[in-house]
Amino acid sequence: MIDAGVSFEDIGAFARMVAYESVFNVLERIDTGYDHEVDEPAPHWELVELDEQCVPTGRSLGGLHEDILSLDPSGRDGKPK
């Protein structure tokens, strides 16, 4: 990219976008609870909270892919400038 004349700033922005999209997509797949690219029947999953003895508390974690939007330190919700 450097040999092609791409600036360090643009390379950094691209790397941040790739990292953000990767994390977002993993969290969205976890939130969905199944692999939508696999035909049924397929395993489903759920991310649950455990207490200090590793016993489920009955509470599930969800919306993680939505939460990551508010965690972007740039304040751009993962979008480039």
Protein backbone atom coordinates (compact mmCIF):
# COMPACT_ATOMS: atom_id res chain seq x y z
CA MET A 1 0.00 0.00 0.00
CA ILE A 2 2.86 2.33 0.82
CA ASP A 3 4.50 1.57 -2.53
CA ALA A 4 1.19 2.48 -4.18
CA GLY A 5 1.23 5.86 -2.45
CA VAL A 6 -1.36 5.21 0.24
CA SER A 7 -0.75 7.43 3.27
CA PHE A 8 0.00 6.02 6.72
CA GLU A 9 -3.17 7.75 7.94
CA ASP A 10 -5.29 5.99 5.33
CA ILE A 11 -3.65 2.63 6.08
CA GLY A 12 -4.41 3.14 9.77
CA ALA A 13 -8.02 4.08 9.02
CA PHE A 14 -8.39 0.99 6.85
CA ALA A 15 -6.89 -1.26 9.55
CA ARG A 16 -9.27 0.20 12.17
CA MET A 17 -12.25 -0.35 9.88
CA VAL A 18 -11.25 -3.99 9.21
CA ALA A 19 -10.76 -4.66 12.93
CA TYR A 20 -14.04 -2.98 13.86
CA GLU A 21 -16.02 -4.84 11.18
CA SER A 22 -14.45 -8.15 12.24
CA VAL A 23 -15.39 -7.68 15.89
CA PHE A 24 -18.86 -6.40 14.99
CA ASN A 25 -19.55 -9.45 12.79
CA VAL A 26 -18.35 -11.92 15.44
CA LEU A 27 -20.52 -10.26 18.09
CA GLU A 28 -23.50 -10.17 15.74
CA ARG A 29 -23.09 -13.91 15.09
CA ILE A 30 -22.95 -14.56 18.86
CA ASP A 31 -26.05 -12.41 19.41
CA THR A 32 -27.95 -14.20 16.65
CA GLY A 33 -27.38 -17.52 18.41
CA TYR A 34 -26.81 -19.61 15.33
CA ASP A 35 -24.90 -19.69 12.07
CA HIS A 36 -27.32 -18.30 9.49
CA GLU A 37 -25.14 -19.70 6.69
CA VAL A 38 -25.80 -23.31 7.79
CA ASP A 39 -28.97 -25.20 6.92
CA GLU A 40 -31.18 -26.37 9.80
CA PRO A 41 -30.95 -28.38 11.95
CA ALA A 42 -27.88 -26.72 13.36
CA PRO A 43 -26.66 -25.98 16.85
CA HIS A 44 -27.75 -22.77 18.51
CA TRP A 45 -25.95 -20.96 21.31
CA GLU A 46 -26.49 -18.34 23.96
CA LEU A 47 -24.02 -16.28 25.96
CA VAL A 48 -25.02 -16.53 29.62
CA GLU A 49 -23.77 -15.03 32.84
CA LEU A 50 -22.26 -17.33 35.48
CA ASP A 51 -21.84 -16.65 39.17
CA GLU A 52 -18.57 -17.13 41.06
CA GLN A 53 -19.22 -20.90 41.26
CA CYS A 54 -19.82 -21.05 37.48
CA VAL A 55 -23.55 -21.63 37.95
CA PRO A 56 -25.79 -19.87 35.40
CA THR A 57 -27.55 -16.85 36.91
CA GLY A 58 -30.45 -17.03 34.46
CA ARG A 59 -29.37 -13.85 32.71
CA SER A 60 -28.30 -13.83 29.07
CA LEU A 61 -26.02 -11.33 27.42
CA GLY A 62 -27.30 -9.91 24.17
CA GLY A 63 -27.07 -6.88 21.96
CA LEU A 64 -23.28 -6.98 22.06
CA HIS A 65 -22.98 -6.03 18.40
CA GLU A 66 -25.15 -3.00 19.08
CA ASP A 67 -23.14 -2.03 22.16
CA ILE A 68 -19.89 -1.92 20.22
CA LEU A 69 -21.23 1.03 18.22
CA SER A 70 -21.12 3.19 21.33
CA LEU A 71 -17.61 2.01 22.24
CA ASP A 72 -15.85 3.43 19.18
CA PRO A 73 -13.39 5.91 20.73
CA SER A 74 -13.56 8.09 17.60
CA GLY A 75 -17.29 8.61 18.15
CA ARG A 76 -17.98 7.64 14.52
CA ASP A 77 -19.70 4.32 15.28
CA GLY A 78 -17.05 2.42 13.32
CA LYS A 79 -17.45 4.53 10.20
CA PRO A 80 -14.44 6.08 8.46
CA LYS A 81 -14.07 9.87 8.39
